[in-house]
């Protein structure tokens, strides 16, 4: 497994959507009737991963999603409205300028990049591809939430954009354990690598 971890000089750590609406007990996801306990559970491991990246001089990018009338197309606003999991017409999620769109228990430093996205994937309509090219890396290390939605979408887009995605399994979460494991299994089988935080620390020498 350790050999599957990217070298510290050949990756960027991308933390996806670790925001109040997806993690806090008072966030939109909880108010929609879904548990965010798994998202909060990974916080210690996620903070450890971020500190490991800082110690190993791995560039860090914090990706936040924000929705507004400037970017919400009719199709995007309709997403999930017919189901029981997501109905943004009744419960807005991560609206630009709101508390819900803020980071949950994370504070990016001045030398860390914050990218705002407006869709599931961290690559969709953002500068992430350019950032990875500018850094001259071939891999992207992914952490955050939710494994079966934005992590999975970002991993798929990474490989389609020419980068090797690596998901740190201790540092991602979904609404349920089943959703989390199904998404990780799909990454393993079709998209990239799934590694542990321990293996990351060993490879990065921190």
N, C-alpha and C. Protein backbone atom coordinates (compact mmCIF):
# COMPACT_ATOMS: atom_id res chain seq x y z
N UNK A 1 0.82 -1.21 0.00
CA UNK A 1 0.00 0.00 0.00
C UNK A 1 0.86 1.26 0.00
N UNK A 2 1.95 1.24 0.76
CA UNK A 2 2.78 2.42 0.86
C UNK A 2 3.30 2.90 -0.48
N UNK A 3 3.60 1.96 -1.40
CA UNK A 3 4.11 2.34 -2.70
C UNK A 3 3.06 3.07 -3.54
N UNK A 4 1.79 3.00 -3.14
CA UNK A 4 0.73 3.66 -3.87
C UNK A 4 0.54 5.11 -3.43
N UNK A 5 1.20 5.49 -2.35
CA UNK A 5 1.09 6.86 -1.86
C UNK A 5 1.98 7.76 -2.72
N UNK A 6 1.47 8.88 -3.17
CA UNK A 6 2.31 9.76 -4.00
C UNK A 6 3.46 10.36 -3.21
N UNK A 7 4.56 10.64 -3.88
CA UNK A 7 5.67 11.32 -3.25
C UNK A 7 5.26 12.73 -2.85
N UNK A 8 5.88 13.24 -1.83
CA UNK A 8 5.55 14.59 -1.36
C UNK A 8 5.82 15.64 -2.42
N UNK A 9 6.80 15.38 -3.28
CA UNK A 9 7.14 16.37 -4.31
C UNK A 9 6.37 16.15 -5.61
N UNK A 10 5.40 15.24 -5.61
CA UNK A 10 4.65 14.95 -6.82
C UNK A 10 3.15 14.96 -6.58
N UNK A 11 2.70 15.74 -5.59
CA UNK A 11 1.26 15.77 -5.32
C UNK A 11 0.86 17.10 -4.72
N UNK A 12 -0.43 17.36 -4.77
CA UNK A 12 -1.06 18.47 -4.06
C UNK A 12 -2.18 17.88 -3.21
N UNK A 13 -2.27 18.31 -1.97
CA UNK A 13 -3.37 17.88 -1.11
C UNK A 13 -4.57 18.78 -1.38
N UNK A 14 -5.70 18.16 -1.71
CA UNK A 14 -6.92 18.91 -1.97
C UNK A 14 -7.99 18.47 -0.96
N UNK A 15 -8.38 19.39 -0.11
CA UNK A 15 -9.41 19.13 0.91
C UNK A 15 -10.72 19.68 0.37
N UNK A 16 -11.71 18.80 0.24
CA UNK A 16 -12.94 19.14 -0.47
C UNK A 16 -14.14 19.30 0.48
N UNK A 17 -14.77 20.45 0.42
CA UNK A 17 -16.11 20.70 1.00
C UNK A 17 -16.23 20.46 2.50
N UNK A 18 -15.15 20.65 3.25
CA UNK A 18 -15.26 20.47 4.70
C UNK A 18 -15.83 21.75 5.28
N UNK A 19 -17.15 21.90 5.12
CA UNK A 19 -17.86 23.13 5.42
C UNK A 19 -18.99 22.89 6.42
N UNK A 20 -19.46 23.97 7.02
CA UNK A 20 -20.48 23.87 8.06
C UNK A 20 -21.74 23.14 7.61
N UNK A 21 -22.23 23.44 6.42
CA UNK A 21 -23.47 22.81 5.98
C UNK A 21 -23.35 21.30 5.81
N UNK A 22 -22.13 20.80 5.62
CA UNK A 22 -21.92 19.38 5.42
C UNK A 22 -21.41 18.66 6.66
N UNK A 23 -20.97 19.43 7.66
CA UNK A 23 -20.31 18.81 8.82
C UNK A 23 -20.93 19.19 10.16
N UNK A 24 -21.42 20.38 10.30
CA UNK A 24 -21.92 20.88 11.59
C UNK A 24 -23.29 20.27 11.91
N UNK A 25 -23.53 20.09 13.20
CA UNK A 25 -24.82 19.54 13.63
C UNK A 25 -25.99 20.46 13.32
N UNK A 26 -25.71 21.73 13.10
CA UNK A 26 -26.77 22.68 12.74
C UNK A 26 -26.75 23.02 11.25
N UNK A 27 -25.95 22.29 10.48
CA UNK A 27 -25.84 22.56 9.05
C UNK A 27 -27.02 22.06 8.25
N UNK A 28 -27.05 22.41 6.97
CA UNK A 28 -28.18 22.07 6.10
C UNK A 28 -28.39 20.57 5.97
N UNK A 29 -27.30 19.81 5.90
CA UNK A 29 -27.44 18.36 5.73
C UNK A 29 -28.18 17.74 6.93
N UNK A 30 -27.83 18.16 8.13
CA UNK A 30 -28.54 17.67 9.32
C UNK A 30 -30.00 18.11 9.29
N UNK A 31 -30.26 19.33 8.88
CA UNK A 31 -31.64 19.82 8.84
C UNK A 31 -32.47 19.13 7.77
N UNK A 32 -31.79 18.51 6.82
CA UNK A 32 -32.48 17.69 5.83
C UNK A 32 -32.75 16.28 6.34
N UNK A 33 -32.32 16.02 7.58
CA UNK A 33 -32.58 14.73 8.18
C UNK A 33 -31.50 13.69 8.00
N UNK A 34 -30.31 14.14 7.54
CA UNK A 34 -29.20 13.21 7.33
C UNK A 34 -28.12 13.46 8.38
N UNK A 35 -27.47 12.41 8.80
CA UNK A 35 -26.44 12.53 9.82
C UNK A 35 -25.13 13.04 9.23
N UNK A 36 -24.48 13.94 9.98
CA UNK A 36 -23.15 14.41 9.61
C UNK A 36 -22.10 13.92 10.60
N UNK A 37 -22.48 12.93 11.40
CA UNK A 37 -21.57 12.40 12.42
C UNK A 37 -20.28 11.87 11.80
N UNK A 38 -20.39 11.20 10.67
CA UNK A 38 -19.19 10.64 10.02
C UNK A 38 -18.25 11.74 9.57
N UNK A 39 -18.81 12.86 9.12
CA UNK A 39 -17.98 13.98 8.68
C UNK A 39 -17.19 14.55 9.85
N UNK A 40 -17.84 14.67 11.00
CA UNK A 40 -17.15 15.19 12.18
C UNK A 40 -16.14 14.19 12.73
N UNK A 41 -16.42 12.93 12.56
CA UNK A 41 -15.55 11.88 13.09
C UNK A 41 -14.17 11.91 12.46
N UNK A 42 -14.08 12.30 11.20
CA UNK A 42 -12.78 12.29 10.52
C UNK A 42 -11.95 13.53 10.82
N UNK A 43 -12.50 14.50 11.56
CA UNK A 43 -11.79 15.75 11.78
C UNK A 43 -10.38 15.56 12.33
N UNK A 44 -10.17 14.75 13.39
CA UNK A 44 -8.80 14.59 13.89
C UNK A 44 -7.83 14.06 12.84
N UNK A 45 -8.29 13.08 12.07
CA UNK A 45 -7.44 12.52 11.02
C UNK A 45 -7.18 13.54 9.91
N UNK A 46 -8.21 14.30 9.57
CA UNK A 46 -8.05 15.31 8.53
C UNK A 46 -7.06 16.39 8.96
N UNK A 47 -7.16 16.83 10.19
CA UNK A 47 -6.21 17.82 10.69
C UNK A 47 -4.79 17.26 10.72
N UNK A 48 -4.67 15.98 11.05
CA UNK A 48 -3.36 15.33 11.06
C UNK A 48 -2.78 15.27 9.65
N UNK A 49 -3.63 14.98 8.67
CA UNK A 49 -3.20 14.93 7.27
C UNK A 49 -2.73 16.30 6.80
N UNK A 50 -3.48 17.33 7.14
CA UNK A 50 -3.10 18.69 6.75
C UNK A 50 -1.77 19.07 7.36
N UNK A 51 -1.58 18.75 8.64
CA UNK A 51 -0.31 19.07 9.30
C UNK A 51 0.84 18.27 8.69
N UNK A 52 0.56 17.02 8.30
CA UNK A 52 1.59 16.21 7.65
C UNK A 52 1.99 16.84 6.32
N UNK A 53 1.01 17.32 5.57
CA UNK A 53 1.30 17.97 4.29
C UNK A 53 2.12 19.24 4.50
N UNK A 54 1.78 20.00 5.52
CA UNK A 54 2.55 21.21 5.82
C UNK A 54 3.99 20.86 6.17
N UNK A 55 4.16 19.84 6.99
CA UNK A 55 5.50 19.44 7.41
C UNK A 55 6.33 18.92 6.25
N UNK A 56 5.67 18.26 5.29
CA UNK A 56 6.37 17.68 4.14
C UNK A 56 6.43 18.63 2.95
N UNK A 57 5.96 19.87 3.12
CA UNK A 57 5.95 20.89 2.06
C UNK A 57 5.13 20.46 0.85
N UNK A 58 4.06 19.72 1.12
CA UNK A 58 3.10 19.38 0.08
C UNK A 58 2.14 20.57 -0.07
N UNK A 59 1.96 21.12 -1.25
CA UNK A 59 1.02 22.23 -1.42
C UNK A 59 -0.40 21.83 -1.00
N UNK A 60 -1.10 22.75 -0.36
CA UNK A 60 -2.44 22.47 0.13
C UNK A 60 -3.46 23.38 -0.54
N UNK A 61 -4.55 22.77 -1.00
CA UNK A 61 -5.65 23.52 -1.61
C UNK A 61 -6.93 23.16 -0.86
N UNK A 62 -7.63 24.16 -0.39
CA UNK A 62 -8.92 23.95 0.27
C UNK A 62 -10.02 24.36 -0.71
N UNK A 63 -10.86 23.41 -1.06
CA UNK A 63 -11.93 23.65 -2.02
C UNK A 63 -13.25 23.77 -1.28
N UNK A 64 -13.95 24.87 -1.52
CA UNK A 64 -15.26 25.08 -0.92
C UNK A 64 -16.30 25.22 -2.02
N UNK A 65 -17.49 24.69 -1.79
CA UNK A 65 -18.56 24.88 -2.74
C UNK A 65 -19.41 26.06 -2.28
N UNK A 66 -19.87 26.85 -3.22
CA UNK A 66 -20.76 27.96 -2.93
C UNK A 66 -21.75 28.11 -4.07
N UNK A 67 -23.01 28.25 -3.70
CA UNK A 67 -24.07 28.36 -4.70
C UNK A 67 -24.71 29.74 -4.63
N UNK A 68 -25.07 30.27 -5.80
CA UNK A 68 -25.76 31.56 -5.87
C UNK A 68 -26.51 31.63 -7.18
N UNK A 69 -27.31 32.67 -7.32
CA UNK A 69 -28.07 32.86 -8.55
C UNK A 69 -27.17 33.12 -9.75
N UNK A 70 -25.92 33.50 -9.51
CA UNK A 70 -24.98 33.72 -10.59
C UNK A 70 -24.56 32.43 -11.27
N UNK A 71 -24.62 31.32 -10.55
CA UNK A 71 -24.11 30.05 -11.09
C UNK A 71 -25.14 28.92 -11.07
N UNK A 72 -26.29 29.14 -10.46
CA UNK A 72 -27.32 28.09 -10.37
C UNK A 72 -28.16 28.04 -11.64
N UNK A 73 -27.82 27.14 -12.53
CA UNK A 73 -28.61 26.95 -13.74
C UNK A 73 -29.92 26.24 -13.38
N UNK A 74 -30.92 26.29 -14.25
CA UNK A 74 -32.17 25.59 -13.97
C UNK A 74 -31.97 24.11 -13.68
N UNK A 75 -31.13 23.45 -14.45
CA UNK A 75 -30.90 22.02 -14.22
C UNK A 75 -30.23 21.78 -12.87
N UNK A 76 -29.30 22.66 -12.50
CA UNK A 76 -28.62 22.49 -11.21
C UNK A 76 -29.59 22.68 -10.06
N UNK A 77 -30.50 23.64 -10.18
CA UNK A 77 -31.48 23.88 -9.12
C UNK A 77 -32.47 22.74 -9.00
N UNK A 78 -32.69 22.03 -10.09
CA UNK A 78 -33.64 20.91 -10.06
C UNK A 78 -33.03 19.64 -9.49
N UNK A 79 -31.70 19.59 -9.34
CA UNK A 79 -31.05 18.34 -8.92
C UNK A 79 -31.62 17.87 -7.58
N UNK A 80 -32.02 16.60 -7.57
CA UNK A 80 -32.47 15.98 -6.33
C UNK A 80 -33.85 16.37 -5.86
N UNK A 81 -34.51 17.31 -6.53
CA UNK A 81 -35.78 17.82 -6.01
C UNK A 81 -36.87 16.75 -5.95
N UNK A 82 -36.74 15.72 -6.79
CA UNK A 82 -37.75 14.68 -6.79
C UNK A 82 -37.48 13.58 -5.76
N UNK A 83 -36.33 13.66 -5.11
CA UNK A 83 -35.97 12.60 -4.17
C UNK A 83 -36.19 13.00 -2.73
N UNK A 84 -35.71 12.14 -1.83
CA UNK A 84 -35.87 12.38 -0.40
C UNK A 84 -34.57 12.81 0.26
N UNK A 85 -33.47 12.79 -0.47
CA UNK A 85 -32.18 13.12 0.12
C UNK A 85 -31.86 14.60 -0.05
N UNK A 86 -32.17 15.15 -1.20
CA UNK A 86 -31.76 16.51 -1.50
C UNK A 86 -32.91 17.26 -2.16
N UNK A 87 -33.25 18.43 -1.62
CA UNK A 87 -34.23 19.30 -2.25
C UNK A 87 -33.80 20.73 -1.95
N UNK A 88 -33.01 21.31 -2.84
CA UNK A 88 -32.44 22.62 -2.60
C UNK A 88 -33.48 23.73 -2.65
N UNK A 89 -34.67 23.45 -3.20
CA UNK A 89 -35.72 24.46 -3.20
C UNK A 89 -36.28 24.65 -1.79
N UNK A 90 -36.19 23.61 -0.97
CA UNK A 90 -36.69 23.67 0.40
C UNK A 90 -35.58 23.97 1.40
N UNK A 91 -34.38 23.49 1.11
CA UNK A 91 -33.26 23.69 2.02
C UNK A 91 -32.02 24.09 1.23
N UNK A 92 -31.76 25.38 1.07
CA UNK A 92 -30.55 25.82 0.37
C UNK A 92 -29.31 25.29 1.08
N UNK A 93 -28.31 24.93 0.30
CA UNK A 93 -27.07 24.37 0.85
C UNK A 93 -25.89 25.22 0.38
N UNK A 94 -25.03 25.58 1.33
CA UNK A 94 -23.79 26.31 1.03
C UNK A 94 -24.03 27.51 0.13
N UNK A 95 -24.97 28.34 0.52
CA UNK A 95 -25.23 29.56 -0.24
C UNK A 95 -24.08 30.54 -0.01
N UNK A 96 -23.65 31.18 -1.07
CA UNK A 96 -22.55 32.14 -1.00
C UNK A 96 -22.84 33.20 0.06
N UNK A 97 -21.83 33.46 0.91
CA UNK A 97 -21.96 34.48 1.93
C UNK A 97 -22.63 34.06 3.21
N UNK A 98 -23.05 32.79 3.30
CA UNK A 98 -23.72 32.32 4.52
C UNK A 98 -22.76 31.56 5.42
N UNK A 99 -23.17 31.39 6.67
CA UNK A 99 -22.40 30.60 7.63
C UNK A 99 -22.20 29.18 7.11
N UNK A 100 -23.22 28.62 6.49
CA UNK A 100 -23.15 27.24 6.01
C UNK A 100 -22.06 27.00 5.00
N UNK A 101 -21.67 28.04 4.26
CA UNK A 101 -20.63 27.89 3.24
C UNK A 101 -19.23 28.03 3.83
N UNK A 102 -19.13 28.40 5.11
CA UNK A 102 -17.82 28.55 5.74
C UNK A 102 -17.19 27.22 6.08
N UNK A 103 -15.87 27.22 6.23
CA UNK A 103 -15.16 25.99 6.60
C UNK A 103 -15.53 25.56 8.02
N UNK A 104 -15.60 24.25 8.22
CA UNK A 104 -15.89 23.68 9.53
C UNK A 104 -14.58 23.30 10.23
N UNK A 105 -14.24 24.00 11.30
CA UNK A 105 -13.08 23.70 12.14
C UNK A 105 -11.77 23.67 11.36
N UNK A 106 -11.71 24.36 10.23
CA UNK A 106 -10.48 24.47 9.45
C UNK A 106 -10.18 25.94 9.21
N UNK A 107 -8.90 26.27 9.20
CA UNK A 107 -8.50 27.65 8.92
C UNK A 107 -7.28 27.63 8.00
N UNK A 108 -7.53 27.76 6.69
CA UNK A 108 -6.39 27.78 5.76
C UNK A 108 -5.41 28.90 6.09
N UNK A 109 -4.14 28.60 5.91
CA UNK A 109 -3.10 29.59 6.19
C UNK A 109 -2.89 30.48 4.95
N UNK A 110 -2.09 31.52 5.15
CA UNK A 110 -1.84 32.46 4.06
C UNK A 110 -1.15 31.81 2.87
N UNK A 111 -0.38 30.74 3.11
CA UNK A 111 0.33 30.08 2.03
C UNK A 111 -0.46 28.92 1.44
N UNK A 112 -1.74 28.85 1.76
CA UNK A 112 -2.60 27.79 1.24
C UNK A 112 -3.70 28.40 0.37
N UNK A 113 -4.02 27.71 -0.71
CA UNK A 113 -4.96 28.24 -1.69
C UNK A 113 -6.39 27.80 -1.37
N UNK A 114 -7.31 28.73 -1.48
CA UNK A 114 -8.74 28.43 -1.38
C UNK A 114 -9.36 28.58 -2.76
N UNK A 115 -10.02 27.53 -3.23
CA UNK A 115 -10.71 27.54 -4.51
C UNK A 115 -12.20 27.37 -4.26
N UNK A 116 -13.00 28.18 -4.91
CA UNK A 116 -14.46 28.05 -4.81
C UNK A 116 -14.98 27.33 -6.04
N UNK A 117 -15.78 26.31 -5.81
CA UNK A 117 -16.41 25.59 -6.91
C UNK A 117 -17.93 25.75 -6.82
N UNK A 118 -18.59 25.40 -7.92
CA UNK A 118 -20.04 25.58 -7.97
C UNK A 118 -20.76 24.30 -8.40
N UNK A 119 -20.00 23.22 -8.52
CA UNK A 119 -20.57 21.92 -8.88
C UNK A 119 -19.93 20.87 -7.99
N UNK A 120 -20.25 19.60 -8.24
CA UNK A 120 -19.73 18.55 -7.38
C UNK A 120 -18.20 18.42 -7.47
N UNK A 121 -17.69 18.39 -8.67
CA UNK A 121 -16.25 18.15 -8.87
C UNK A 121 -15.42 19.39 -8.57
N UNK A 122 -14.27 19.17 -7.94
CA UNK A 122 -13.34 20.27 -7.68
C UNK A 122 -12.67 20.76 -8.96
N UNK A 123 -12.83 20.02 -10.05
CA UNK A 123 -12.25 20.43 -11.34
C UNK A 123 -13.24 21.21 -12.20
N UNK A 124 -14.53 21.09 -11.92
CA UNK A 124 -15.54 21.69 -12.80
C UNK A 124 -15.54 23.21 -12.69
N UNK A 125 -15.14 23.87 -13.77
CA UNK A 125 -15.16 25.33 -13.87
C UNK A 125 -14.27 26.01 -12.83
N UNK A 126 -13.18 25.36 -12.42
CA UNK A 126 -12.26 25.95 -11.46
C UNK A 126 -10.84 25.97 -12.05
N UNK A 127 -9.92 26.54 -11.28
CA UNK A 127 -8.53 26.62 -11.71
C UNK A 127 -7.69 25.45 -11.21
N UNK A 128 -8.31 24.40 -10.68
CA UNK A 128 -7.54 23.33 -10.06
C UNK A 128 -6.59 22.65 -11.05
N UNK A 129 -7.04 22.38 -12.25
CA UNK A 129 -6.16 21.75 -13.25
C UNK A 129 -4.93 22.61 -13.49
N UNK A 130 -5.13 23.91 -13.63
CA UNK A 130 -4.03 24.83 -13.85
C UNK A 130 -3.07 24.84 -12.66
N UNK A 131 -3.61 24.80 -11.46
CA UNK A 131 -2.79 24.76 -10.25
C UNK A 131 -1.89 23.53 -10.24
N UNK A 132 -2.45 22.37 -10.57
CA UNK A 132 -1.66 21.14 -10.59
C UNK A 132 -0.59 21.19 -11.67
N UNK A 133 -0.93 21.75 -12.81
CA UNK A 133 0.05 21.89 -13.87
C UNK A 133 1.17 22.85 -13.46
N UNK A 134 0.79 23.94 -12.81
CA UNK A 134 1.79 24.93 -12.39
C UNK A 134 2.74 24.35 -11.36
N UNK A 135 2.23 23.45 -10.54
CA UNK A 135 3.06 22.80 -9.53
C UNK A 135 3.87 21.65 -10.11
N UNK A 136 3.56 21.23 -11.32
CA UNK A 136 4.31 20.17 -11.98
C UNK A 136 4.13 18.80 -11.37
N UNK A 137 2.92 18.54 -10.85
CA UNK A 137 2.67 17.24 -10.20
C UNK A 137 1.84 16.34 -11.11
N UNK A 138 1.91 15.06 -10.83
CA UNK A 138 1.13 14.11 -11.62
C UNK A 138 0.00 13.48 -10.81
N UNK A 139 -0.03 13.75 -9.49
CA UNK A 139 -1.05 13.14 -8.65
C UNK A 139 -1.77 14.21 -7.83
N UNK A 140 -2.98 13.86 -7.40
CA UNK A 140 -3.74 14.71 -6.50
C UNK A 140 -4.22 13.85 -5.33
N UNK A 141 -3.96 14.31 -4.11
CA UNK A 141 -4.36 13.60 -2.90
C UNK A 141 -5.64 14.23 -2.39
N UNK A 142 -6.70 13.42 -2.28
CA UNK A 142 -8.03 13.93 -1.95
C UNK A 142 -8.47 13.55 -0.55
N UNK A 143 -9.10 14.52 0.13
CA UNK A 143 -9.69 14.30 1.45
C UNK A 143 -10.91 15.20 1.58
N UNK A 144 -11.79 14.90 2.54
CA UNK A 144 -12.96 15.74 2.76
C UNK A 144 -14.26 14.98 2.63
N UNK A 145 -15.31 15.67 2.20
CA UNK A 145 -16.65 15.08 2.10
C UNK A 145 -17.30 15.51 0.78
N UNK A 146 -18.35 14.81 0.39
CA UNK A 146 -18.74 13.48 0.79
C UNK A 146 -18.14 12.50 -0.20
N UNK A 147 -17.74 11.34 0.31
CA UNK A 147 -16.99 10.38 -0.50
C UNK A 147 -17.72 9.99 -1.77
N UNK A 148 -19.02 9.78 -1.65
CA UNK A 148 -19.81 9.28 -2.78
C UNK A 148 -20.30 10.38 -3.71
N UNK A 149 -20.03 11.62 -3.36
CA UNK A 149 -20.49 12.73 -4.21
C UNK A 149 -19.29 13.53 -4.72
N UNK A 150 -18.82 14.48 -3.94
CA UNK A 150 -17.79 15.40 -4.45
C UNK A 150 -16.39 14.79 -4.49
N UNK A 151 -16.07 13.91 -3.54
CA UNK A 151 -14.76 13.23 -3.61
C UNK A 151 -14.73 12.33 -4.84
N UNK A 152 -15.78 11.55 -5.03
CA UNK A 152 -15.85 10.63 -6.16
C UNK A 152 -15.83 11.40 -7.48
N UNK A 153 -16.61 12.47 -7.57
CA UNK A 153 -16.64 13.28 -8.80
C UNK A 153 -15.27 13.89 -9.08
N UNK A 154 -14.61 14.36 -8.05
CA UNK A 154 -13.29 14.97 -8.23
C UNK A 154 -12.26 13.94 -8.64
N UNK A 155 -12.33 12.74 -8.07
CA UNK A 155 -11.40 11.68 -8.44
C UNK A 155 -11.58 11.28 -9.90
N UNK A 156 -12.82 11.15 -10.33
CA UNK A 156 -13.09 10.80 -11.73
C UNK A 156 -12.55 11.89 -12.68
N UNK A 157 -12.82 13.13 -12.34
CA UNK A 157 -12.35 14.21 -13.21
C UNK A 157 -10.83 14.30 -13.20
N UNK A 158 -10.21 14.00 -12.06
CA UNK A 158 -8.76 14.04 -11.98
C UNK A 158 -8.13 13.11 -13.02
N UNK A 159 -8.59 11.86 -13.04
CA UNK A 159 -7.99 10.90 -13.97
C UNK A 159 -8.31 11.27 -15.41
N UNK A 160 -9.48 11.85 -15.64
CA UNK A 160 -9.84 12.28 -17.00
C UNK A 160 -9.06 13.52 -17.43
N UNK A 161 -8.56 14.28 -16.46
CA UNK A 161 -7.74 15.45 -16.77
C UNK A 161 -6.26 15.11 -16.85
N UNK A 162 -5.92 13.84 -16.61
CA UNK A 162 -4.53 13.42 -16.76
C UNK A 162 -3.75 13.32 -15.47
N UNK A 163 -4.43 13.33 -14.32
CA UNK A 163 -3.77 13.20 -13.03
C UNK A 163 -4.21 11.92 -12.34
N UNK A 164 -3.34 11.39 -11.49
CA UNK A 164 -3.67 10.17 -10.74
C UNK A 164 -4.27 10.56 -9.39
N UNK A 165 -5.54 10.21 -9.14
CA UNK A 165 -6.15 10.56 -7.86
C UNK A 165 -5.84 9.53 -6.78
N UNK A 166 -5.57 10.03 -5.58
CA UNK A 166 -5.32 9.18 -4.42
C UNK A 166 -6.24 9.66 -3.30
N UNK A 167 -7.10 8.79 -2.81
CA UNK A 167 -8.04 9.13 -1.76
C UNK A 167 -7.53 8.58 -0.43
N UNK A 168 -7.46 9.42 0.59
CA UNK A 168 -7.01 8.99 1.92
C UNK A 168 -8.24 8.52 2.69
N UNK A 169 -8.36 7.21 2.87
CA UNK A 169 -9.61 6.64 3.37
C UNK A 169 -9.97 7.06 4.79
N UNK A 170 -8.98 7.37 5.62
CA UNK A 170 -9.26 7.82 6.98
C UNK A 170 -9.77 9.25 7.02
N UNK A 171 -9.67 9.96 5.91
CA UNK A 171 -9.92 11.40 5.88
C UNK A 171 -11.06 11.78 4.94
N UNK A 172 -11.91 10.81 4.63
CA UNK A 172 -13.12 11.09 3.84
C UNK A 172 -14.31 10.48 4.55
N UNK A 173 -15.50 10.99 4.24
CA UNK A 173 -16.71 10.49 4.88
C UNK A 173 -17.91 10.71 3.97
N UNK A 174 -18.91 9.87 4.16
CA UNK A 174 -20.19 10.01 3.47
C UNK A 174 -21.29 9.97 4.52
N UNK A 175 -22.53 10.05 4.07
CA UNK A 175 -23.63 10.03 5.01
C UNK A 175 -23.76 8.74 5.77
N UNK A 176 -23.43 7.62 5.10
CA UNK A 176 -23.49 6.31 5.74
C UNK A 176 -22.21 5.54 5.44
N UNK A 177 -21.92 4.54 6.26
CA UNK A 177 -20.75 3.70 6.03
C UNK A 177 -20.85 2.95 4.70
N UNK A 178 -22.06 2.55 4.34
CA UNK A 178 -22.26 1.82 3.08
C UNK A 178 -21.92 2.72 1.90
N UNK A 179 -22.45 3.95 1.90
CA UNK A 179 -22.15 4.88 0.81
C UNK A 179 -20.66 5.15 0.72
N UNK A 180 -20.02 5.29 1.86
CA UNK A 180 -18.59 5.55 1.89
C UNK A 180 -17.81 4.40 1.27
N UNK A 181 -18.11 3.19 1.68
CA UNK A 181 -17.34 2.04 1.21
C UNK A 181 -17.61 1.73 -0.25
N UNK A 182 -18.84 1.91 -0.71
CA UNK A 182 -19.14 1.69 -2.13
C UNK A 182 -18.34 2.66 -2.99
N UNK A 183 -18.29 3.91 -2.56
CA UNK A 183 -17.53 4.91 -3.32
C UNK A 183 -16.04 4.59 -3.33
N UNK A 184 -15.49 4.21 -2.17
CA UNK A 184 -14.08 3.85 -2.10
C UNK A 184 -13.78 2.62 -2.96
N UNK A 185 -14.69 1.66 -2.96
CA UNK A 185 -14.50 0.46 -3.78
C UNK A 185 -14.46 0.80 -5.25
N UNK A 186 -15.30 1.76 -5.66
CA UNK A 186 -15.31 2.16 -7.06
C UNK A 186 -14.03 2.88 -7.43
N UNK A 187 -13.52 3.71 -6.52
CA UNK A 187 -12.24 4.37 -6.78
C UNK A 187 -11.15 3.33 -6.95
N UNK A 188 -11.10 2.37 -6.05
CA UNK A 188 -10.08 1.31 -6.14
C UNK A 188 -10.16 0.55 -7.46
N UNK A 189 -11.39 0.23 -7.89
CA UNK A 189 -11.57 -0.64 -9.05
C UNK A 189 -11.39 0.08 -10.38
N UNK A 190 -11.76 1.37 -10.44
CA UNK A 190 -11.85 2.02 -11.76
C UNK A 190 -11.13 3.34 -11.90
N UNK A 191 -10.73 3.97 -10.78
CA UNK A 191 -10.33 5.37 -10.90
C UNK A 191 -8.90 5.63 -10.45
N UNK A 192 -8.56 5.24 -9.23
CA UNK A 192 -7.25 5.58 -8.70
C UNK A 192 -6.86 4.71 -7.53
N UNK A 193 -6.26 5.34 -6.52
CA UNK A 193 -5.77 4.60 -5.36
C UNK A 193 -6.50 5.05 -4.10
N UNK A 194 -6.62 4.13 -3.16
CA UNK A 194 -7.14 4.43 -1.83
C UNK A 194 -6.08 4.02 -0.83
N UNK A 195 -5.64 4.96 0.00
CA UNK A 195 -4.54 4.70 0.93
C UNK A 195 -4.93 5.15 2.33
N UNK A 196 -4.12 4.76 3.30
CA UNK A 196 -4.38 5.13 4.69
C UNK A 196 -3.55 6.34 5.08
N UNK A 197 -4.00 7.02 6.12
CA UNK A 197 -3.24 8.15 6.65
C UNK A 197 -1.87 7.69 7.14
N UNK A 198 -1.81 6.53 7.74
CA UNK A 198 -0.53 6.01 8.23
C UNK A 198 0.46 5.84 7.09
N UNK A 199 0.00 5.31 5.97
CA UNK A 199 0.88 5.12 4.82
C UNK A 199 1.33 6.46 4.23
N UNK A 200 0.43 7.44 4.26
CA UNK A 200 0.80 8.78 3.80
C UNK A 200 1.91 9.36 4.66
N UNK A 201 1.76 9.25 5.96
CA UNK A 201 2.78 9.78 6.86
C UNK A 201 4.13 9.10 6.64
N UNK A 202 4.11 7.79 6.44
CA UNK A 202 5.35 7.05 6.20
C UNK A 202 6.01 7.51 4.92
N UNK A 203 5.23 7.63 3.88
CA UNK A 203 5.79 8.03 2.57
C UNK A 203 6.33 9.44 2.61
N UNK A 204 5.64 10.33 3.31
CA UNK A 204 6.07 11.72 3.37
C UNK A 204 7.11 11.98 4.43
N UNK A 205 7.41 10.96 5.24
CA UNK A 205 8.45 11.07 6.25
C UNK A 205 8.16 12.03 7.38
N UNK A 206 6.87 12.06 7.79
CA UNK A 206 6.48 12.97 8.87
C UNK A 206 5.65 12.23 9.93
